[in-house]
Amino acid sequence: MAKETHPNDVAPVADGVQQPPLPTADAIALGQRGASRRRFARAGAGATGVLLTLASQPGMACDICMSASGYQSYSKTMTHASSRVEVICSGRGPSYWSQTGNWPSGCSASSLFGKHFECVGFSQYTYGSASCMKILTWQPQSVAAYMMAMYLNVLKGYTSFMTVEKVRAMWKEYIETGYYTPTAGVRWYTPQILFYLSGTMS
């Protein structure tokens, strides 16, 4: 599998301390959700270690059905899934979208990823010039593939807790900085972003 490249392989310097390199997407075993959840807990969703009780219920199609900021707040304060507001949550992952011909209007498999997501600098020639289908199949465990799947889920109406604008904003911040800020003072790097996005999909 090709290694996921990113213009910011090293996280920004904070307080004069160089952060370690960002993990590659190939290092994230999304198929082993238990291990993924443990890694996420250690990485810290607001350093609480609190995960949704829903995440341990294999009968549920999706584990996290809320916006990134909502999930961040939820993971800090809530411990019981019954407190959640009822939402539409039937997201599909990259593998589903790469195999179905039932794409939503407004996005085709052959259209360029850069038409739907802002790509700056080096990413203009990698992600930006690739087709949407290529993004899903080239590196299926990458942030780009999961962003593409989330985007299609929004267009198709499979989610009610995200919008096209929010998905694009998440991608833009990630591709420019190497992380996403769901709430002030909190940074999600590749593992946390992948955990969140995969948790919204069956």
C-alpha atoms as a PDB file:
ATOM      1  CA  MET A   1       0.000   0.000   0.000  1.00  0.00           C
ATOM      2  CA  ALA A   2       1.292   3.434  -0.835  1.00  0.00           C
ATOM      3  CA  LYS A   3       2.399   5.619   2.016  1.00  0.00           C
ATOM      4  CA  GLU A   4       0.162   8.612   2.683  1.00  0.00           C
ATOM      5  CA  THR A   5       2.152  11.775   2.088  1.00  0.00           C
ATOM      6  CA  HIS A   6       1.426  15.049   3.748  1.00  0.00           C
ATOM      7  CA  PRO A   7       3.139  18.433   3.385  1.00  0.00           C
ATOM      8  CA  ASN A   8       3.389  18.625   7.190  1.00  0.00           C
ATOM      9  CA  ASP A   9       5.052  15.347   8.143  1.00  0.00           C
ATOM     10  CA  VAL A  10       6.271  17.008  11.329  1.00  0.00           C
ATOM     11  CA  ALA A  11       3.782  18.671  13.660  1.00  0.00           C
ATOM     12  CA  PRO A  12       4.248  22.408  14.312  1.00  0.00           C
ATOM     13  CA  VAL A  13       6.667  23.428  17.033  1.00  0.00           C
ATOM     14  CA  ALA A  14       4.911  24.130  20.337  1.00  0.00           C
ATOM     15  CA  ASP A  15       6.747  25.906  23.148  1.00  0.00           C
ATOM     16  CA  GLY A  16      10.031  25.273  21.394  1.00  0.00           C
ATOM     17  CA  VAL A  17       9.575  21.486  21.410  1.00  0.00           C
ATOM     18  CA  GLN A  18       9.530  19.676  18.073  1.00  0.00           C
ATOM     19  CA  GLN A  19       6.634  17.268  17.925  1.00  0.00           C
ATOM     20  CA  PRO A  20       7.165  13.729  16.597  1.00  0.00           C
ATOM     21  CA  PRO A  21       6.347  12.932  12.944  1.00  0.00           C
ATOM     22  CA  LEU A  22       2.688  12.356  12.160  1.00  0.00           C
ATOM     23  CA  PRO A  23       1.800   8.667  11.859  1.00  0.00           C
ATOM     24  CA  THR A  24       1.139   7.423   8.342  1.00  0.00           C
ATOM     25  CA  ALA A  25      -2.305   6.209   7.425  1.00  0.00           C
ATOM     26  CA  ASP A  26      -0.844   2.758   6.834  1.00  0.00           C
ATOM     27  CA  ALA A  27      -0.033   2.602  10.551  1.00  0.00           C
ATOM     28  CA  ILE A  28      -3.713   3.012  11.456  1.00  0.00           C
ATOM     29  CA  ALA A  29      -5.441  -0.371  11.569  1.00  0.00           C
ATOM     30  CA  LEU A  30      -9.004   0.789  11.190  1.00  0.00           C
ATOM     31  CA  GLY A  31     -10.207  -2.767  10.861  1.00  0.00           C
ATOM     32  CA  GLN A  32      -9.132  -3.423  14.446  1.00  0.00           C
ATOM     33  CA  ARG A  33     -11.511  -0.989  16.078  1.00  0.00           C
ATOM     34  CA  GLY A  34     -10.729  -2.069  19.619  1.00  0.00           C
ATOM     35  CA  ALA A  35      -7.057  -1.165  19.195  1.00  0.00           C
ATOM     36  CA  SER A  36      -8.028   2.031  17.448  1.00  0.00           C
ATOM     37  CA  ARG A  37     -10.266   3.045  20.335  1.00  0.00           C
ATOM     38  CA  ARG A  38      -7.504   2.353  22.847  1.00  0.00           C
ATOM     39  CA  ARG A  39      -5.039   4.451  20.839  1.00  0.00           C
ATOM     40  CA  PHE A  40      -7.560   7.261  20.671  1.00  0.00           C
ATOM     41  CA  ALA A  41      -8.168   7.112  24.399  1.00  0.00           C
ATOM     42  CA  ARG A  42      -4.435   7.342  25.043  1.00  0.00           C
ATOM     43  CA  ALA A  43      -4.046  10.173  22.547  1.00  0.00           C
ATOM     44  CA  GLY A  44      -6.842  11.910  24.405  1.00  0.00           C
ATOM     45  CA  ALA A  45     -10.225  13.226  23.351  1.00  0.00           C
ATOM     46  CA  GLY A  46      -9.669  16.271  25.461  1.00  0.00           C
ATOM     47  CA  ALA A  47      -7.446  14.074  27.703  1.00  0.00           C
ATOM     48  CA  THR A  48     -10.510  12.490  29.284  1.00  0.00           C
ATOM     49  CA  GLY A  49     -10.188   8.935  28.088  1.00  0.00           C
ATOM     50  CA  VAL A  50     -13.987   8.823  28.038  1.00  0.00           C
ATOM     51  CA  LEU A  51     -15.383   7.016  25.016  1.00  0.00           C
ATOM     52  CA  LEU A  52     -18.966   6.697  23.961  1.00  0.00           C
ATOM     53  CA  THR A  53     -20.605   3.643  25.441  1.00  0.00           C
ATOM     54  CA  LEU A  54     -22.119   3.214  22.002  1.00  0.00           C
ATOM     55  CA  ALA A  55     -18.661   2.419  20.630  1.00  0.00           C
ATOM     56  CA  SER A  56     -18.626  -0.938  22.412  1.00  0.00           C
ATOM     57  CA  GLN A  57     -21.967  -2.072  21.013  1.00  0.00           C
ATOM     58  CA  PRO A  58     -21.276  -4.145  17.879  1.00  0.00           C
ATOM     59  CA  GLY A  59     -24.925  -4.076  16.840  1.00  0.00           C
ATOM     60  CA  MET A  60     -24.820  -0.367  16.088  1.00  0.00           C
ATOM     61  CA  ALA A  61     -23.956   0.687  12.551  1.00  0.00           C
ATOM     62  CA  CYS A  62     -22.193   3.856  13.635  1.00  0.00           C
ATOM     63  CA  ASP A  63     -20.369   4.714  16.834  1.00  0.00           C
ATOM     64  CA  ILE A  64     -20.131   8.516  16.726  1.00  0.00           C
ATOM     65  CA  CYS A  65     -23.061  10.387  15.209  1.00  0.00           C
ATOM     66  CA  MET A  66     -22.396  14.046  15.882  1.00  0.00           C
ATOM     67  CA  SER A  67     -20.271  16.932  14.661  1.00  0.00           C
ATOM     68  CA  ALA A  68     -16.606  17.010  15.641  1.00  0.00           C
ATOM     69  CA  SER A  69     -17.148  19.848  18.091  1.00  0.00           C
ATOM     70  CA  GLY A  70     -20.208  18.113  19.505  1.00  0.00           C
ATOM     71  CA  TYR A  71     -18.306  14.873  19.940  1.00  0.00           C
ATOM     72  CA  GLN A  72     -15.430  16.671  21.640  1.00  0.00           C
ATOM     73  CA  SER A  73     -17.825  18.247  24.134  1.00  0.00           C
ATOM     74  CA  TYR A  74     -19.708  14.971  24.571  1.00  0.00           C
ATOM     75  CA  SER A  75     -16.584  12.953  25.287  1.00  0.00           C
ATOM     76  CA  LYS A  76     -15.636  15.418  28.023  1.00  0.00           C
ATOM     77  CA  THR A  77     -18.928  15.443  29.869  1.00  0.00           C
ATOM     78  CA  MET A  78     -21.147  12.504  28.963  1.00  0.00           C
ATOM     79  CA  THR A  79     -20.925   8.790  29.677  1.00  0.00           C
ATOM     80  CA  HIS A  80     -24.269   7.492  28.490  1.00  0.00           C
ATOM     81  CA  ALA A  81     -25.440   7.323  24.887  1.00  0.00           C
ATOM     82  CA  SER A  82     -29.109   7.903  25.777  1.00  0.00           C
ATOM     83  CA  SER A  83     -28.374  11.608  26.298  1.00  0.00           C
ATOM     84  CA  ARG A  84     -27.618  12.080  22.611  1.00  0.00           C
ATOM     85  CA  VAL A  85     -29.979  13.893  20.298  1.00  0.00           C
ATOM     86  CA  GLU A  86     -31.493  11.588  17.688  1.00  0.00           C
ATOM     87  CA  VAL A  87     -29.833  12.077  14.312  1.00  0.00           C
ATOM     88  CA  ILE A  88     -29.664  10.470  10.897  1.00  0.00           C
ATOM     89  CA  CYS A  89     -26.556   8.323  10.981  1.00  0.00           C
ATOM     90  CA  SER A  90     -26.164   5.767   8.225  1.00  0.00           C
ATOM     91  CA  GLY A  91     -22.786   6.777   6.827  1.00  0.00           C
ATOM     92  CA  ARG A  92     -20.858   4.545   4.442  1.00  0.00           C
ATOM     93  CA  GLY A  93     -17.096   4.117   4.348  1.00  0.00           C
ATOM     94  CA  PRO A  94     -14.587   4.513   1.499  1.00  0.00           C
ATOM     95  CA  SER A  95     -14.872   0.876   0.402  1.00  0.00           C
ATOM     96  CA  TYR A  96     -18.647   1.211  -0.060  1.00  0.00           C
ATOM     97  CA  TRP A  97     -18.359   4.340  -2.198  1.00  0.00           C
ATOM     98  CA  SER A  98     -15.555   2.854  -4.282  1.00  0.00           C
ATOM     99  CA  GLN A  99     -17.744  -0.133  -5.178  1.00  0.00           C
ATOM    100  CA  THR A 100     -21.179   1.390  -5.690  1.00  0.00           C
ATOM    101  CA  GLY A 101     -22.421   3.285  -8.698  1.00  0.00           C
ATOM    102  CA  ASN A 102     -25.062   4.987  -6.581  1.00  0.00           C
ATOM    103  CA  TRP A 103     -23.221   8.278  -6.061  1.00  0.00           C
ATOM    104  CA  PRO A 104     -25.168  11.408  -5.080  1.00  0.00           C
ATOM    105  CA  SER A 105     -25.802  14.172  -7.573  1.00  0.00           C
ATOM    106  CA  GLY A 106     -23.232  16.923  -7.322  1.00  0.00           C
ATOM    107  CA  CYS A 107     -20.230  14.601  -7.285  1.00  0.00           C
ATOM    108  CA  SER A 108     -19.104  11.996  -9.786  1.00  0.00           C
ATOM    109  CA  ALA A 109     -16.416   9.357  -9.500  1.00  0.00           C
ATOM    110  CA  SER A 110     -14.450  10.961 -12.330  1.00  0.00           C
ATOM    111  CA  SER A 111     -14.562  14.549 -11.046  1.00  0.00           C
ATOM    112  CA  LEU A 112     -11.385  15.911  -9.485  1.00  0.00           C
ATOM    113  CA  PHE A 113     -10.994  15.895  -5.720  1.00  0.00           C
ATOM    114  CA  GLY A 114      -9.721  19.470  -6.031  1.00  0.00           C
ATOM    115  CA  LYS A 115     -13.088  20.527  -7.413  1.00  0.00           C
ATOM    116  CA  HIS A 116     -14.736  19.640  -4.113  1.00  0.00           C
ATOM    117  CA  PHE A 117     -11.921  20.199  -1.594  1.00  0.00           C
ATOM    118  CA  GLU A 118      -9.406  23.021  -1.457  1.00  0.00           C
ATOM    119  CA  CYS A 119      -5.898  21.775  -2.134  1.00  0.00           C
ATOM    120  CA  VAL A 120      -2.970  24.142  -1.655  1.00  0.00           C
ATOM    121  CA  GLY A 121       0.772  23.885  -2.223  1.00  0.00           C
ATOM    122  CA  PHE A 122       2.029  20.392  -2.967  1.00  0.00           C
ATOM    123  CA  SER A 123      -1.431  18.902  -2.449  1.00  0.00           C
ATOM    124  CA  GLN A 124      -2.621  20.591  -5.662  1.00  0.00           C
ATOM    125  CA  TYR A 125      -0.530  18.105  -7.625  1.00  0.00           C
ATOM    126  CA  THR A 126      -1.330  15.050  -5.545  1.00  0.00           C
ATOM    127  CA  TYR A 127      -4.804  15.099  -4.022  1.00  0.00           C
ATOM    128  CA  GLY A 128      -6.134  18.004  -6.085  1.00  0.00           C
ATOM    129  CA  SER A 129      -5.393  16.420  -9.453  1.00  0.00           C
ATOM    130  CA  ALA A 130      -6.723  12.969  -8.526  1.00  0.00           C
ATOM    131  CA  SER A 131     -10.265  11.841  -9.284  1.00  0.00           C
ATOM    132  CA  CYS A 132     -12.674  11.304  -6.423  1.00  0.00           C
ATOM    133  CA  MET A 133     -12.614   7.565  -7.138  1.00  0.00           C
ATOM    134  CA  LYS A 134      -8.819   7.553  -7.066  1.00  0.00           C
ATOM    135  CA  ILE A 135      -8.869   9.185  -3.639  1.00  0.00           C
ATOM    136  CA  LEU A 136     -11.078   6.361  -2.346  1.00  0.00           C
ATOM    137  CA  THR A 137      -8.992   3.540  -3.818  1.00  0.00           C
ATOM    138  CA  TRP A 138      -5.419   4.897  -3.849  1.00  0.00           C
ATOM    139  CA  GLN A 139      -5.050   5.097  -0.062  1.00  0.00           C
ATOM    140  CA  PRO A 140      -8.331   3.746   1.366  1.00  0.00           C
ATOM    141  CA  GLN A 141      -7.197   4.156   4.993  1.00  0.00           C
ATOM    142  CA  SER A 142      -6.127   7.788   4.548  1.00  0.00           C
ATOM    143  CA  VAL A 143      -7.717  10.945   5.886  1.00  0.00           C
ATOM    144  CA  ALA A 144      -8.423  12.005   2.293  1.00  0.00           C
ATOM    145  CA  ALA A 145     -10.405   8.811   1.596  1.00  0.00           C
ATOM    146  CA  TYR A 146     -12.466   9.185   4.758  1.00  0.00           C
ATOM    147  CA  MET A 147     -13.087  12.869   4.054  1.00  0.00           C
ATOM    148  CA  MET A 148     -14.282  11.903   0.577  1.00  0.00           C
ATOM    149  CA  ALA A 149     -16.610   9.281   2.046  1.00  0.00           C
ATOM    150  CA  MET A 150     -17.977  11.751   4.606  1.00  0.00           C
ATOM    151  CA  TYR A 151     -18.557  14.290   1.841  1.00  0.00           C
ATOM    152  CA  LEU A 152     -20.546  11.730  -0.162  1.00  0.00           C
ATOM    153  CA  ASN A 153     -22.503  10.748   2.962  1.00  0.00           C
ATOM    154  CA  VAL A 154     -23.510  14.390   3.446  1.00  0.00           C
ATOM    155  CA  LEU A 155     -24.521  14.834  -0.199  1.00  0.00           C
ATOM    156  CA  LYS A 156     -26.513  11.601  -0.122  1.00  0.00           C
ATOM    157  CA  GLY A 157     -28.314  12.550   3.099  1.00  0.00           C
ATOM    158  CA  TYR A 158     -26.814   9.691   5.102  1.00  0.00           C
ATOM    159  CA  THR A 159     -25.841  12.072   7.898  1.00  0.00           C
ATOM    160  CA  SER A 160     -27.664  14.966   9.522  1.00  0.00           C
ATOM    161  CA  PHE A 161     -24.873  16.136  11.829  1.00  0.00           C
ATOM    162  CA  MET A 162     -22.349  17.333   9.238  1.00  0.00           C
ATOM    163  CA  THR A 163     -22.519  19.763   6.334  1.00  0.00           C
ATOM    164  CA  VAL A 164     -20.493  20.142   3.168  1.00  0.00           C
ATOM    165  CA  GLU A 165     -18.958  23.307   4.613  1.00  0.00           C
ATOM    166  CA  LYS A 166     -17.869  21.541   7.820  1.00  0.00           C
ATOM    167  CA  VAL A 167     -16.280  18.647   5.936  1.00  0.00           C
ATOM    168  CA  ARG A 168     -14.402  21.034   3.664  1.00  0.00           C
ATOM    169  CA  ALA A 169     -13.262  23.141   6.620  1.00  0.00           C
ATOM    170  CA  MET A 170     -11.954  20.051   8.419  1.00  0.00           C
ATOM    171  CA  TRP A 171      -9.969  19.021   5.343  1.00  0.00           C
ATOM    172  CA  LYS A 172      -8.629  22.537   4.729  1.00  0.00           C
ATOM    173  CA  GLU A 173      -7.265  22.878   8.251  1.00  0.00           C
ATOM    174  CA  TYR A 174      -5.775  19.393   8.182  1.00  0.00           C
ATOM    175  CA  ILE A 175      -4.022  19.786   4.839  1.00  0.00           C
ATOM    176  CA  GLU A 176      -2.639  23.196   5.816  1.00  0.00           C
ATOM    177  CA  THR A 177      -1.539  22.425   9.381  1.00  0.00           C
ATOM    178  CA  GLY A 178      -1.424  18.661   9.844  1.00  0.00           C
ATOM    179  CA  TYR A 179      -4.218  18.696  12.421  1.00  0.00           C
ATOM    180  CA  TYR A 180      -7.845  19.717  12.956  1.00  0.00           C
ATOM    181  CA  THR A 181      -9.172  21.802  15.858  1.00  0.00           C
ATOM    182  CA  PRO A 182     -12.675  20.585  16.860  1.00  0.00           C
ATOM    183  CA  THR A 183     -12.761  23.060  19.771  1.00  0.00           C
ATOM    184  CA  ALA A 184     -10.409  25.733  21.039  1.00  0.00           C
ATOM    185  CA  GLY A 185      -7.221  24.332  22.509  1.00  0.00           C
ATOM    186  CA  VAL A 186      -7.726  20.801  21.159  1.00  0.00           C
ATOM    187  CA  ARG A 187      -5.849  19.358  18.186  1.00  0.00           C
ATOM    188  CA  TRP A 188      -6.756  16.161  16.388  1.00  0.00           C
ATOM    189  CA  TYR A 189      -3.937  14.649  14.352  1.00  0.00           C
ATOM    190  CA  THR A 190      -4.267  11.803  11.849  1.00  0.00           C
ATOM    191  CA  PRO A 191      -5.237   9.026  14.342  1.00  0.00           C
ATOM    192  CA  GLN A 192      -7.934  11.091  16.040  1.00  0.00           C
ATOM    193  CA  ILE A 193      -9.397  12.324  12.738  1.00  0.00           C
ATOM    194  CA  LEU A 194      -9.527   8.793  11.358  1.00  0.00           C
ATOM    195  CA  PHE A 195     -11.085   7.483  14.566  1.00  0.00           C
ATOM    196  CA  TYR A 196     -13.782  10.142  14.472  1.00  0.00           C
ATOM    197  CA  LEU A 197     -14.606   9.802  10.773  1.00  0.00           C
ATOM    198  CA  SER A 198     -14.594   5.976  10.812  1.00  0.00           C
ATOM    199  CA  GLY A 199     -16.847   6.032  13.866  1.00  0.00           C
ATOM    200  CA  THR A 200     -19.560   7.819  11.868  1.00  0.00           C
ATOM    201  CA  MET A 201     -19.636   5.073   9.230  1.00  0.00           C
ATOM    202  CA  SER A 202     -20.838   1.493   9.149  1.00  0.00           C
END
